[in-house]
Protein backbone atom coordinates (compact mmCIF):
# COMPACT_ATOMS: atom_id res chain seq x y z
CA MET A 1 -1.20 7.90 -11.99
CA GLU A 2 -0.21 10.08 -14.95
CA ASN A 3 0.04 13.45 -13.20
CA THR A 4 0.79 14.98 -9.84
CA SER A 5 -2.21 17.31 -9.55
CA GLU A 6 -3.76 15.52 -6.55
CA ILE A 7 -0.46 15.64 -4.64
CA TYR A 8 0.38 19.24 -5.46
CA HIS A 9 -3.15 20.27 -4.48
CA ILE A 10 -2.54 19.32 -0.82
CA LEU A 11 0.91 20.89 -0.51
CA PRO A 12 1.38 24.32 1.12
CA LYS A 13 1.27 27.02 -1.55
CA SER A 14 4.97 27.83 -1.27
CA VAL A 15 6.06 24.19 -1.56
CA ARG A 16 3.53 23.59 -4.34
CA GLY A 17 5.04 26.40 -6.38
CA LEU A 18 8.57 25.04 -5.96
CA MET A 19 7.51 21.50 -6.88
CA GLN A 20 5.73 22.74 -9.99
CA LYS A 21 8.90 24.58 -11.05
CA SER A 22 10.99 21.42 -10.61
CA GLY A 23 9.66 19.73 -13.75
CA LEU A 24 9.64 16.25 -12.20
CA LYS A 25 8.45 13.21 -14.13
CA PRO A 26 5.31 12.06 -12.27
CA ARG A 27 6.12 8.37 -12.70
CA GLU A 28 9.43 8.74 -10.86
CA LEU A 29 8.13 10.68 -7.84
CA GLN A 30 7.91 8.35 -4.83
CA GLU A 31 7.77 10.32 -1.58
CA ILE A 32 7.68 13.84 -0.20
CA ARG A 33 8.67 14.21 3.45
CA LEU A 34 7.77 17.36 5.36
CA ARG A 35 8.96 18.10 8.91
CA ILE A 36 8.57 21.35 10.82
CA HIS A 37 11.80 23.41 10.80
CA GLN A 38 13.51 20.87 8.52
CA PRO A 39 14.26 20.80 4.77
CA VAL A 40 11.63 19.31 2.46
CA ILE A 41 12.93 15.93 1.25
CA VAL A 42 11.84 14.37 -2.03
CA ARG A 43 12.42 10.75 -3.04
CA TYR A 44 12.70 10.70 -6.81
CA GLU A 45 14.00 7.99 -9.16
CA ASN A 46 14.97 5.91 -6.08
CA LYS A 47 17.21 8.68 -4.75
CA GLU A 48 16.75 11.25 -1.99
CA TYR A 49 16.97 15.00 -2.66
CA PHE A 50 16.33 18.31 -0.91
CA LEU A 51 13.97 20.85 -2.47
CA SER A 52 15.89 24.06 -3.11
CA THR A 53 14.53 27.59 -2.76
CA GLU A 54 14.74 27.81 -6.56
CA GLY A 55 12.48 24.81 -7.13
CA LYS A 56 15.21 22.32 -7.98
CA LEU A 57 16.15 18.96 -6.50
CA THR A 58 19.58 19.06 -4.92
CA ALA A 59 21.88 16.88 -2.81
CA SER A 60 23.24 19.98 -1.07
CA HIS A 61 21.98 21.25 2.29
CA HIS A 62 22.50 24.85 1.19
CA PHE A 63 19.67 27.13 -0.01
CA VAL A 64 16.94 24.54 0.63
CA HIS A 65 13.32 25.19 1.56
CA VAL A 66 12.73 24.70 5.30
CA LEU A 67 9.14 23.95 6.29
CA THR A 68 7.44 26.33 8.71
CA ARG A 69 4.73 25.54 11.23
CA ASP A 70 2.23 27.66 9.30
CA GLU A 71 2.98 25.72 6.11
CA LEU A 72 2.35 22.38 7.81
CA LYS A 73 -0.87 23.72 9.34
CA GLN A 74 -1.97 24.88 5.89
CA MET A 75 -1.25 21.44 4.45
CA MET A 76 -3.30 19.67 7.15
CA GLU A 77 -6.21 21.99 6.36
CA TYR A 78 -6.00 21.08 2.68
CA ILE A 79 -5.77 17.34 3.41
CA SER A 80 -8.73 17.33 5.81
CA ASN A 81 -10.89 19.82 3.93
CA TYR A 82 -10.60 22.11 6.97
CA SER A 83 -12.12 19.51 9.33
CA LEU A 84 -9.61 17.27 11.12
CA TYR A 85 -12.43 16.05 13.37
CA ALA A 86 -14.04 14.30 10.39
CA TYR A 87 -10.83 12.30 9.90
CA GLU A 88 -10.28 11.20 13.50
CA ASP A 89 -10.62 7.49 12.68
CA GLN A 90 -7.89 7.71 10.05
CA LEU A 91 -5.71 9.87 12.28
CA ARG A 92 -5.75 7.12 14.91
CA GLN A 93 -4.21 4.82 12.31
CA GLY A 94 -1.47 7.32 11.55
CA PHE A 95 -2.35 8.17 7.98
CA LEU A 96 -4.88 9.78 5.67
CA THR A 97 -5.72 8.65 2.14
CA VAL A 98 -6.32 11.50 -0.30
CA LYS A 99 -7.83 11.68 -3.77
CA GLY A 100 -5.75 9.76 -6.26
CA GLY A 101 -5.00 7.03 -3.73
CA HIS A 102 -1.97 8.74 -2.24
CA ARG A 103 -1.29 8.09 1.43
CA VAL A 104 -0.16 10.77 3.85
CA GLY A 105 1.63 9.34 6.88
CA ILE A 106 1.31 11.42 10.05
CA ALA A 107 3.40 11.63 13.22
CA GLY A 108 3.31 13.86 16.27
CA LYS A 109 1.86 13.84 19.78
CA VAL A 110 -0.40 10.83 20.35
CA SER A 111 -3.30 11.19 22.79
CA ILE A 112 -3.97 8.01 24.81
CA GLU A 113 -7.21 7.35 26.69
CA ASP A 114 -7.97 4.13 28.61
CA GLY A 115 -4.93 2.51 27.08
CA GLU A 116 -6.05 3.17 23.49
CA ILE A 117 -5.07 5.79 20.93
CA ARG A 118 -7.72 8.50 21.02
CA THR A 119 -6.34 10.85 18.39
CA MET A 120 -3.18 12.60 17.27
CA LYS A 121 -2.44 16.25 17.97
CA HIS A 122 0.51 18.57 17.51
CA ILE A 123 1.12 16.95 14.12
CA THR A 124 4.63 17.91 13.06
CA PHE A 125 5.75 15.25 10.58
CA LEU A 126 4.17 14.25 7.26
CA ASN A 127 5.15 11.76 4.59
CA ILE A 128 3.33 11.63 1.26
CA ARG A 129 3.64 8.19 -0.34
CA VAL A 130 2.82 8.61 -4.00
CA ALA A 131 0.51 5.94 -5.39
CA HIS A 132 1.59 4.43 -8.68
CA GLU A 133 -0.64 2.04 -10.55
CA VAL A 134 1.21 -0.23 -12.94
CA ILE A 135 -1.62 -1.77 -14.92
CA GLY A 136 -0.49 -4.94 -16.65
CA CYS A 137 2.51 -5.64 -14.40
CA ALA A 138 1.09 -9.04 -13.38
CA GLU A 139 0.11 -10.24 -16.84
CA GLY A 140 3.45 -11.93 -17.47
CA ILE A 141 3.26 -14.10 -14.36
CA PHE A 142 -0.49 -14.58 -13.79
CA GLU A 143 -0.64 -17.80 -15.82
CA HIS A 144 1.97 -19.34 -13.51
CA CYS A 145 -0.46 -18.79 -10.62
CA THR A 146 -3.25 -20.78 -12.25
CA LYS A 147 -3.94 -24.44 -12.99
CA ASP A 148 -6.39 -25.57 -15.65
CA GLY A 149 -7.63 -22.00 -15.87
CA GLN A 150 -8.32 -21.69 -12.14
CA LEU A 151 -6.53 -19.20 -9.90
CA LEU A 152 -4.47 -20.82 -7.15
CA PRO A 153 -3.85 -19.37 -3.67
CA VAL A 154 -0.89 -16.97 -3.98
CA LEU A 155 1.48 -15.38 -1.47
CA ILE A 156 3.70 -12.53 -2.70
CA ILE A 157 6.98 -12.16 -0.78
CA SER A 158 9.43 -9.27 -0.68
CA PRO A 159 11.11 -6.73 1.61
CA PRO A 160 9.34 -3.36 2.08
CA GLY A 161 9.15 -1.07 -0.93
CA ARG A 162 9.75 -3.69 -3.61
CA GLY A 163 6.32 -3.62 -5.25
CA LYS A 164 4.28 -6.29 -3.45
CA THR A 165 1.11 -4.25 -3.25
CA THR A 166 1.40 -3.03 -6.84
CA LEU A 167 1.67 -6.61 -8.10
CA LEU A 168 -1.16 -7.82 -5.86
CA ARG A 169 -3.42 -5.01 -7.08
CA ASP A 170 -2.90 -5.98 -10.72
CA MET A 171 -3.49 -9.66 -9.96
CA ILE A 172 -6.77 -8.67 -8.32
CA ARG A 173 -7.73 -6.69 -11.42
CA ILE A 174 -6.94 -9.58 -13.77
CA ALA A 175 -8.81 -12.13 -11.64
CA SER A 176 -11.83 -9.84 -11.24
CA ASP A 177 -12.08 -8.87 -14.90
CA GLY A 178 -11.58 -12.53 -15.77
CA GLY A 179 -14.72 -13.66 -13.95
CA GLU A 180 -13.80 -14.08 -10.27
CA THR A 181 -15.74 -12.33 -7.53
CA VAL A 182 -13.00 -10.80 -5.42
CA GLY A 183 -13.27 -9.47 -1.88
CA VAL A 184 -10.48 -7.09 -0.82
CA VAL A 185 -9.76 -6.16 2.77
CA ASP A 186 -7.85 -2.90 2.38
CA GLU A 187 -6.88 -2.13 5.96
CA ARG A 188 -4.49 0.70 5.09
CA SER A 189 -6.20 1.85 1.88
CA GLU A 190 -3.16 0.91 -0.21
CA ILE A 191 -4.69 -1.66 -2.57
CA ALA A 192 -7.83 0.03 -3.88
CA ALA A 193 -6.87 3.43 -2.41
CA SER A 194 -10.52 4.30 -1.79
CA TYR A 195 -11.49 7.93 -1.43
CA MET A 196 -14.91 8.48 0.19
CA GLY A 197 -15.56 4.79 -0.36
CA VAL A 198 -14.77 4.73 -4.08
CA PRO A 199 -11.63 2.86 -5.27
CA GLN A 200 -9.20 5.20 -7.01
CA ASN A 201 -7.20 2.29 -8.42
CA LYS A 202 -8.40 -0.23 -10.97
CA VAL A 203 -9.22 -3.38 -9.04
CA GLY A 204 -11.64 -5.00 -11.49
CA ILE A 205 -15.35 -5.04 -12.25
CA ARG A 206 -16.24 -7.86 -9.82
CA THR A 207 -14.32 -6.58 -6.79
CA ASP A 208 -15.81 -5.55 -3.44
CA VAL A 209 -13.67 -3.59 -0.98
CA MET A 210 -13.70 -3.37 2.81
CA ASP A 211 -11.74 -0.16 3.26
CA GLY A 212 -9.99 0.76 6.50
CA CYS A 213 -11.11 -2.47 8.15
CA PRO A 214 -8.81 -4.76 10.18
CA LYS A 215 -7.86 -7.74 8.03
CA SER A 216 -9.10 -10.45 10.37
CA GLU A 217 -12.54 -8.88 10.82
CA GLY A 218 -12.84 -7.83 7.18
CA MET A 219 -12.21 -11.33 5.86
CA MET A 220 -14.92 -12.80 8.10
CA MET A 221 -17.36 -10.07 7.07
CA LEU A 222 -16.70 -10.62 3.36
CA VAL A 223 -17.18 -14.38 3.62
CA ARG A 224 -20.49 -13.91 5.41
CA SER A 225 -21.87 -11.03 3.36
CA MET A 226 -20.38 -10.88 -0.15
CA ALA A 227 -19.75 -14.53 -1.08
CA PRO A 228 -16.38 -13.97 -2.77
CA ASN A 229 -14.53 -16.63 -4.75
CA VAL A 230 -11.25 -14.88 -3.98
CA ILE A 231 -10.12 -12.91 -0.90
CA ALA A 232 -7.14 -10.56 -1.14
CA VAL A 233 -5.26 -8.87 1.71
CA ASP A 234 -1.99 -6.99 2.12
CA GLU A 235 0.84 -7.65 4.57
CA ILE A 236 -0.31 -10.58 6.68
CA GLY A 237 1.52 -11.75 9.79
CA LYS A 238 -0.60 -11.57 12.94
CA LYS A 239 -2.20 -14.65 14.45
CA GLU A 240 -5.69 -13.26 13.91
CA ASP A 241 -4.86 -12.64 10.22
CA VAL A 242 -3.76 -16.25 9.81
CA ASP A 243 -6.82 -17.60 11.65
CA ALA A 244 -9.15 -15.57 9.39
CA MET A 245 -7.31 -16.72 6.26
CA LEU A 246 -7.58 -20.35 7.32
CA TYR A 247 -11.29 -19.87 7.97
CA SER A 248 -11.73 -18.24 4.54
CA ALA A 249 -9.82 -21.04 2.84
CA TYR A 250 -11.95 -23.69 4.56
CA CYS A 251 -15.02 -21.81 3.32
CA GLY A 252 -13.78 -22.34 -0.24
CA CYS A 253 -12.17 -18.96 -0.96
CA THR A 254 -8.96 -18.68 -2.94
CA LEU A 255 -6.47 -16.50 -1.09
CA MET A 256 -4.15 -13.80 -2.43
CA ALA A 257 -1.86 -12.01 0.00
CA THR A 258 1.47 -10.29 0.53
CA ILE A 259 4.01 -10.56 3.32
CA HIS A 260 7.31 -8.95 4.26
CA GLY A 261 10.16 -11.40 3.81
CA LYS A 262 13.10 -12.57 1.74
CA ASP A 263 12.11 -16.07 0.63
CA MET A 264 10.13 -19.20 1.51
CA GLU A 265 12.79 -20.52 3.88
CA GLU A 266 12.69 -17.35 5.95
CA LEU A 267 8.89 -17.43 6.17
CA LYS A 268 8.88 -20.99 7.54
CA LYS A 269 10.39 -19.55 10.73
CA VAL A 270 7.70 -16.87 11.12
CA PRO A 271 5.13 -17.76 13.83
CA TYR A 272 1.68 -18.69 12.48
CA VAL A 273 2.73 -18.10 8.86
CA GLY A 274 4.93 -21.19 9.02
CA GLU A 275 1.84 -23.16 10.06
CA MET A 276 0.00 -22.03 6.94
CA MET A 277 2.93 -23.15 4.83
CA GLU A 278 2.97 -26.56 6.51
CA ARG A 279 -0.72 -26.95 5.73
CA LYS A 280 0.04 -25.94 2.11
CA VAL A 281 -2.66 -23.27 2.15
CA PHE A 282 -0.80 -21.36 -0.57
CA LYS A 283 -0.02 -23.16 -3.82
CA ARG A 284 2.14 -20.43 -5.36
CA TYR A 285 4.83 -18.23 -3.83
CA VAL A 286 5.85 -15.19 -5.88
CA VAL A 287 9.22 -13.88 -4.67
CA LEU A 288 10.21 -10.36 -5.73
CA SER A 289 13.81 -9.37 -6.33
CA GLU A 290 15.70 -7.25 -3.79
CA GLN A 291 17.70 -5.71 -6.62
CA GLY A 292 16.85 -3.60 -9.65
CA LYS A 293 13.47 -2.11 -10.45
CA ALA A 294 10.69 -2.53 -7.89
CA GLY A 295 8.22 -5.24 -8.85
CA THR A 296 10.77 -7.48 -10.59
CA VAL A 297 9.82 -11.11 -10.05
CA LYS A 298 12.79 -13.22 -8.98
CA GLU A 299 11.02 -16.58 -8.95
CA ILE A 300 7.70 -18.38 -8.55
CA LEU A 301 7.59 -21.55 -6.46
CA ASN A 302 4.91 -24.15 -5.77
CA GLU A 303 3.90 -25.32 -2.30
CA GLU A 304 6.77 -27.83 -2.29
CA GLY A 305 9.33 -25.13 -3.02
CA VAL A 306 9.87 -26.26 -6.61
CA ARG A 307 10.76 -23.37 -8.93
CA LEU A 308 8.25 -22.87 -11.74
CA TYR A 309 9.48 -19.52 -13.03
CA GLY A 310 12.64 -17.42 -12.85
């Protein structure tokens, strides 16, 4: 993303004006947190700031803009195009995806019916996670995830916020543009960042996306309906995710996925995931660094744990 127009468009008018005055570099803007009766907090260049009443980022609590209930209501109207009812399915998941691929996390009073989340009301907390495409970030390591020109099953490992999804997205793009038919299950709309069904991020010319679909069900649907060579998913971990990945692999699909973790040794202790590792379902493990710039590759290992890169 080269500008902030999509983000500023959904902000309350008063906050929008202050953000526009701030002169932020779009590439370095990461999050905007808005809570009723609390200061607006901006995460910028990996640091947290308050938004001042003069439109500046500051570490001081003094003279900061405090969000009002009317401002939050105004923002929800902008996000939902004045119809929250039309976004009930997304509200149940706790977020909305807006144009540009940005994700707005939502918290407040949850309405439960028959043991299931019906909707969310009295929304009082919002978190805008700014989507950043880094096209080309996987080009330096993609060849290490292939053998004789063929893509190998890849698992990308890192703690939260270290660039797993960004790297996965670019690997999908490279594989797709390189000739592979790729099926993406984008449960939280973070990979393709689809808006009204259309991917906002570049995921390749041969990529099909199941947006907002549970990973386990989406993988089975793609295998049956779209005949992908490659299936890509984000943040695996549940038993049903692992079962669907094993099924997809046995059907001949090459897998690409991400998972929260520190390294291979830690993942061996994770239920169900450890089983996949024992079966050597993945042939490459890309481990991202916990230090420095997000997306930095620490090492690439094969299924035996032998370091191939880094």
